[in-house]
């Protein structure tokens, strides 16, 4: 499925939840990795632009963010993308939008 770039150049972005390891298989505890083999984490971000605010759960490689990200910290998001997904979970068809980024850096 295609992914779409999201322009955050005019947005204000804050950390909502600190990074947590992204799990691929909850039964085995296997970590999710990207195409380069880097372990992935999930970070909650509040993105506010043009009078609207949204809470996004963003997947990011552990090499793509500094230590010490805490809720309320202003950040910049590099390479934010959205991709729709569809899966069968416990016999039930589910779908949604997954967000990923190349990196998150502290805002200047």
N, C-alpha and C. Protein backbone atom coordinates (compact mmCIF):
# COMPACT_ATOMS: atom_id res chain seq x y z
N UNK A 1 0.85 -1.18 0.00
CA UNK A 1 0.00 0.00 0.00
C UNK A 1 0.89 1.23 0.00
N UNK A 2 0.48 2.28 -0.70
CA UNK A 2 1.31 3.48 -0.77
C UNK A 2 1.31 4.24 0.55
N UNK A 3 2.37 5.03 0.73
CA UNK A 3 2.43 5.92 1.89
C UNK A 3 2.42 7.35 1.39
N UNK A 4 2.04 8.27 2.28
CA UNK A 4 1.91 9.67 1.92
C UNK A 4 2.72 10.53 2.87
N UNK A 5 3.48 11.48 2.33
CA UNK A 5 4.26 12.39 3.15
C UNK A 5 3.33 13.39 3.83
N UNK A 6 3.68 13.75 5.06
CA UNK A 6 2.93 14.75 5.81
C UNK A 6 3.86 15.93 6.08
N UNK A 7 3.46 17.11 5.64
CA UNK A 7 4.27 18.31 5.83
C UNK A 7 4.01 18.90 7.21
N UNK A 8 5.02 18.92 8.05
CA UNK A 8 4.89 19.49 9.39
C UNK A 8 5.68 20.80 9.52
N UNK A 9 6.05 21.40 8.39
CA UNK A 9 6.91 22.59 8.43
C UNK A 9 6.23 23.78 9.11
N UNK A 10 4.91 23.86 9.11
CA UNK A 10 4.22 24.98 9.76
C UNK A 10 3.56 24.55 11.07
N UNK A 11 3.74 23.30 11.46
CA UNK A 11 3.07 22.76 12.65
C UNK A 11 3.92 22.96 13.90
N UNK A 12 3.24 22.98 15.04
CA UNK A 12 3.89 22.92 16.34
C UNK A 12 3.71 21.48 16.82
N UNK A 13 4.81 20.83 17.20
CA UNK A 13 4.76 19.42 17.57
C UNK A 13 5.36 19.25 18.97
N UNK A 14 4.65 18.51 19.82
CA UNK A 14 5.11 18.22 21.17
C UNK A 14 5.06 16.71 21.41
N UNK A 15 5.96 16.23 22.26
CA UNK A 15 5.92 14.83 22.68
C UNK A 15 4.73 14.67 23.63
N UNK A 16 3.88 13.70 23.36
CA UNK A 16 2.75 13.39 24.24
C UNK A 16 3.07 12.22 25.15
N UNK A 17 3.73 11.20 24.59
CA UNK A 17 4.15 10.04 25.38
C UNK A 17 5.58 9.68 25.01
N UNK A 18 6.37 9.31 26.00
CA UNK A 18 7.77 8.95 25.78
C UNK A 18 7.86 7.70 24.90
N UNK A 19 8.99 7.52 24.21
CA UNK A 19 9.17 6.35 23.35
C UNK A 19 9.03 5.04 24.12
N UNK A 20 8.39 4.08 23.47
CA UNK A 20 8.24 2.72 24.01
C UNK A 20 8.61 1.74 22.91
N UNK A 21 9.19 0.61 23.25
CA UNK A 21 9.52 -0.38 22.22
C UNK A 21 8.27 -0.82 21.45
N UNK A 22 8.40 -0.93 20.13
CA UNK A 22 7.29 -1.40 19.31
C UNK A 22 7.40 -2.91 19.19
N UNK A 23 6.33 -3.60 19.53
CA UNK A 23 6.31 -5.06 19.52
C UNK A 23 5.64 -5.56 18.25
N UNK A 24 6.29 -6.50 17.57
CA UNK A 24 5.74 -7.08 16.35
C UNK A 24 4.78 -8.23 16.68
N UNK A 25 5.17 -9.05 17.67
CA UNK A 25 4.38 -10.22 18.04
C UNK A 25 4.21 -10.23 19.55
N UNK A 26 3.00 -9.96 20.03
CA UNK A 26 2.76 -9.88 21.46
C UNK A 26 2.86 -11.24 22.16
N UNK A 27 2.65 -12.32 21.42
CA UNK A 27 2.75 -13.65 22.02
C UNK A 27 4.20 -14.01 22.32
N UNK A 28 5.12 -13.63 21.42
CA UNK A 28 6.53 -13.97 21.60
C UNK A 28 7.35 -12.81 22.16
N UNK A 29 6.80 -11.59 22.09
CA UNK A 29 7.55 -10.42 22.54
C UNK A 29 8.54 -9.90 21.51
N UNK A 30 8.48 -10.44 20.29
CA UNK A 30 9.41 -10.04 19.23
C UNK A 30 9.26 -8.56 18.90
N UNK A 31 10.41 -7.85 18.85
CA UNK A 31 10.41 -6.43 18.53
C UNK A 31 10.23 -6.21 17.03
N UNK A 32 9.57 -5.13 16.68
CA UNK A 32 9.44 -4.72 15.29
C UNK A 32 10.75 -4.07 14.85
N UNK A 33 11.16 -4.34 13.61
CA UNK A 33 12.35 -3.73 13.03
C UNK A 33 11.99 -3.14 11.67
N UNK A 34 12.76 -2.14 11.24
CA UNK A 34 12.51 -1.56 9.92
C UNK A 34 13.31 -2.31 8.86
N UNK A 35 13.27 -1.84 7.62
CA UNK A 35 13.94 -2.52 6.51
C UNK A 35 15.45 -2.58 6.69
N UNK A 36 16.01 -1.65 7.44
CA UNK A 36 17.45 -1.63 7.68
C UNK A 36 17.83 -2.50 8.88
N UNK A 37 16.84 -3.09 9.55
CA UNK A 37 17.10 -3.95 10.68
C UNK A 37 17.19 -3.23 12.02
N UNK A 38 16.85 -1.93 12.07
CA UNK A 38 16.88 -1.18 13.32
C UNK A 38 15.60 -1.43 14.12
N UNK A 39 15.74 -1.62 15.42
CA UNK A 39 14.59 -1.80 16.30
C UNK A 39 13.72 -0.54 16.26
N UNK A 40 12.42 -0.74 16.31
CA UNK A 40 11.48 0.38 16.24
C UNK A 40 10.89 0.69 17.60
N UNK A 41 10.54 1.95 17.79
CA UNK A 41 9.83 2.41 18.98
C UNK A 41 8.61 3.19 18.54
N UNK A 42 7.71 3.44 19.48
CA UNK A 42 6.52 4.24 19.22
C UNK A 42 6.52 5.44 20.14
N UNK A 43 6.25 6.62 19.56
CA UNK A 43 6.21 7.88 20.32
C UNK A 43 4.87 8.55 20.05
N UNK A 44 4.21 9.02 21.10
CA UNK A 44 2.98 9.78 20.93
C UNK A 44 3.34 11.25 20.70
N UNK A 45 2.79 11.85 19.65
CA UNK A 45 3.05 13.25 19.33
C UNK A 45 1.75 14.02 19.20
N UNK A 46 1.73 15.24 19.72
CA UNK A 46 0.63 16.17 19.48
C UNK A 46 1.09 17.09 18.36
N UNK A 47 0.34 17.09 17.25
CA UNK A 47 0.67 17.93 16.10
C UNK A 47 -0.44 18.96 15.95
N UNK A 48 -0.07 20.23 16.06
CA UNK A 48 -1.04 21.31 15.98
C UNK A 48 -0.70 22.21 14.79
N UNK A 49 -1.68 22.41 13.91
CA UNK A 49 -1.47 23.24 12.72
C UNK A 49 -2.82 23.76 12.23
N UNK A 50 -2.84 25.01 11.84
CA UNK A 50 -4.03 25.65 11.27
C UNK A 50 -5.25 25.48 12.17
N UNK A 51 -5.07 25.64 13.48
CA UNK A 51 -6.18 25.60 14.42
C UNK A 51 -6.66 24.23 14.81
N UNK A 52 -5.98 23.18 14.33
CA UNK A 52 -6.37 21.81 14.68
C UNK A 52 -5.22 21.12 15.39
N UNK A 53 -5.55 20.27 16.35
CA UNK A 53 -4.54 19.47 17.03
C UNK A 53 -4.89 18.00 16.92
N UNK A 54 -3.89 17.18 16.70
CA UNK A 54 -4.10 15.74 16.58
C UNK A 54 -3.05 14.99 17.38
N UNK A 55 -3.47 13.89 17.97
CA UNK A 55 -2.55 13.01 18.67
C UNK A 55 -2.21 11.86 17.73
N UNK A 56 -0.92 11.71 17.42
CA UNK A 56 -0.47 10.66 16.51
C UNK A 56 0.45 9.71 17.24
N UNK A 57 0.28 8.43 17.00
CA UNK A 57 1.19 7.41 17.50
C UNK A 57 2.14 7.10 16.34
N UNK A 58 3.41 7.48 16.49
CA UNK A 58 4.37 7.43 15.39
C UNK A 58 5.44 6.38 15.65
N UNK A 59 5.67 5.51 14.66
CA UNK A 59 6.75 4.53 14.73
C UNK A 59 8.03 5.17 14.21
N UNK A 60 9.12 4.94 14.94
CA UNK A 60 10.39 5.56 14.57
C UNK A 60 11.53 4.63 14.98
N UNK A 61 12.59 4.56 14.16
CA UNK A 61 13.71 3.71 14.55
C UNK A 61 14.38 4.26 15.81
N UNK A 62 14.89 3.36 16.66
CA UNK A 62 15.54 3.80 17.89
C UNK A 62 16.75 4.68 17.61
N UNK A 63 17.31 4.58 16.42
CA UNK A 63 18.44 5.43 16.04
C UNK A 63 17.98 6.82 15.62
N UNK A 64 16.66 7.05 15.55
CA UNK A 64 16.13 8.30 15.02
C UNK A 64 15.64 9.30 16.05
N UNK A 65 15.95 9.09 17.33
CA UNK A 65 15.54 10.07 18.33
C UNK A 65 16.55 10.09 19.48
N UNK A 66 16.71 11.25 20.11
CA UNK A 66 17.66 11.36 21.21
C UNK A 66 17.08 10.77 22.50
N UNK A 67 17.95 10.43 23.43
CA UNK A 67 17.49 10.01 24.75
C UNK A 67 16.89 11.22 25.46
N UNK A 68 15.98 10.96 26.36
CA UNK A 68 15.44 12.04 27.17
C UNK A 68 14.20 12.71 26.60
N UNK A 69 13.56 12.13 25.59
CA UNK A 69 12.30 12.71 25.11
C UNK A 69 11.26 12.53 26.21
N UNK A 70 10.64 13.62 26.62
CA UNK A 70 9.64 13.57 27.68
C UNK A 70 8.39 14.31 27.25
N UNK A 71 7.23 13.94 27.80
CA UNK A 71 5.99 14.64 27.45
C UNK A 71 6.11 16.14 27.66
N UNK A 72 5.58 16.88 26.68
CA UNK A 72 5.61 18.34 26.72
C UNK A 72 6.77 18.95 25.97
N UNK A 73 7.77 18.14 25.60
CA UNK A 73 8.95 18.65 24.90
C UNK A 73 8.60 19.00 23.45
N UNK A 74 8.93 20.23 23.01
CA UNK A 74 8.71 20.58 21.60
C UNK A 74 9.76 19.88 20.72
N UNK A 75 9.30 19.32 19.60
CA UNK A 75 10.19 18.59 18.70
C UNK A 75 9.90 18.93 17.24
N UNK A 76 10.83 18.54 16.39
CA UNK A 76 10.64 18.58 14.94
C UNK A 76 10.59 17.14 14.46
N UNK A 77 9.73 16.88 13.48
CA UNK A 77 9.58 15.53 12.94
C UNK A 77 10.14 15.52 11.53
N UNK A 78 11.01 14.56 11.26
CA UNK A 78 11.64 14.45 9.95
C UNK A 78 11.07 13.23 9.24
N UNK A 79 10.57 13.45 8.03
CA UNK A 79 10.08 12.35 7.20
C UNK A 79 8.82 11.67 7.70
N UNK A 80 7.86 12.46 8.19
CA UNK A 80 6.60 11.89 8.67
C UNK A 80 5.77 11.39 7.50
N UNK A 81 5.29 10.14 7.61
CA UNK A 81 4.46 9.54 6.57
C UNK A 81 3.25 8.85 7.18
N UNK A 82 2.19 8.75 6.39
CA UNK A 82 0.99 8.02 6.77
C UNK A 82 0.78 6.90 5.77
N UNK A 83 0.36 5.73 6.29
CA UNK A 83 0.12 4.58 5.44
C UNK A 83 -1.10 3.84 5.98
N UNK A 84 -2.05 3.53 5.09
CA UNK A 84 -3.21 2.78 5.55
C UNK A 84 -2.84 1.30 5.68
N UNK A 85 -3.52 0.61 6.60
CA UNK A 85 -3.25 -0.80 6.82
C UNK A 85 -4.55 -1.56 7.02
N UNK A 86 -4.45 -2.85 6.79
CA UNK A 86 -5.60 -3.73 6.97
C UNK A 86 -5.07 -5.08 7.43
N UNK A 87 -5.72 -5.68 8.42
CA UNK A 87 -5.24 -6.94 8.98
C UNK A 87 -6.41 -7.69 9.61
N UNK A 88 -6.24 -8.99 9.78
CA UNK A 88 -7.21 -9.79 10.51
C UNK A 88 -6.61 -10.09 11.87
N UNK A 89 -7.27 -9.61 12.93
CA UNK A 89 -6.80 -9.79 14.29
C UNK A 89 -7.86 -10.56 15.06
N UNK A 90 -7.47 -11.74 15.54
CA UNK A 90 -8.40 -12.62 16.27
C UNK A 90 -9.68 -12.86 15.48
N UNK A 91 -9.53 -13.08 14.17
CA UNK A 91 -10.65 -13.38 13.31
C UNK A 91 -11.48 -12.18 12.89
N UNK A 92 -11.08 -10.99 13.32
CA UNK A 92 -11.83 -9.78 13.00
C UNK A 92 -11.01 -8.90 12.07
N UNK A 93 -11.61 -8.45 10.97
CA UNK A 93 -10.92 -7.59 10.01
C UNK A 93 -10.85 -6.17 10.58
N UNK A 94 -9.63 -5.64 10.63
CA UNK A 94 -9.43 -4.28 11.15
C UNK A 94 -8.60 -3.48 10.16
N UNK A 95 -8.73 -2.16 10.24
CA UNK A 95 -7.95 -1.29 9.37
C UNK A 95 -7.70 0.04 10.07
N UNK A 96 -6.78 0.79 9.55
CA UNK A 96 -6.46 2.08 10.15
C UNK A 96 -5.37 2.79 9.38
N UNK A 97 -4.78 3.78 10.02
CA UNK A 97 -3.68 4.54 9.44
C UNK A 97 -2.50 4.44 10.38
N UNK A 98 -1.35 4.06 9.84
CA UNK A 98 -0.11 3.97 10.62
C UNK A 98 0.77 5.16 10.27
N UNK A 99 1.39 5.75 11.27
CA UNK A 99 2.29 6.88 11.06
C UNK A 99 3.70 6.45 11.38
N UNK A 100 4.65 6.91 10.55
CA UNK A 100 6.06 6.61 10.79
C UNK A 100 6.88 7.86 10.47
N UNK A 101 8.08 7.92 11.03
CA UNK A 101 8.99 9.04 10.77
C UNK A 101 10.41 8.51 10.71
N UNK A 102 11.27 9.25 10.05
CA UNK A 102 12.68 8.90 9.97
C UNK A 102 13.37 9.28 11.26
N UNK A 103 13.02 10.49 11.80
CA UNK A 103 13.68 10.97 13.01
C UNK A 103 12.82 12.02 13.72
N UNK A 104 13.12 12.20 14.99
CA UNK A 104 12.54 13.27 15.81
C UNK A 104 13.71 13.97 16.48
N UNK A 105 13.74 15.30 16.39
CA UNK A 105 14.80 16.08 17.02
C UNK A 105 14.20 17.16 17.90
N UNK A 106 14.91 17.57 18.96
CA UNK A 106 14.40 18.68 19.78
C UNK A 106 14.23 19.93 18.91
N UNK A 107 13.15 20.68 19.17
CA UNK A 107 12.93 21.94 18.44
C UNK A 107 13.92 22.98 18.94
N UNK A 108 14.35 23.84 18.05
CA UNK A 108 15.34 24.88 18.41
C UNK A 108 14.73 25.93 19.31
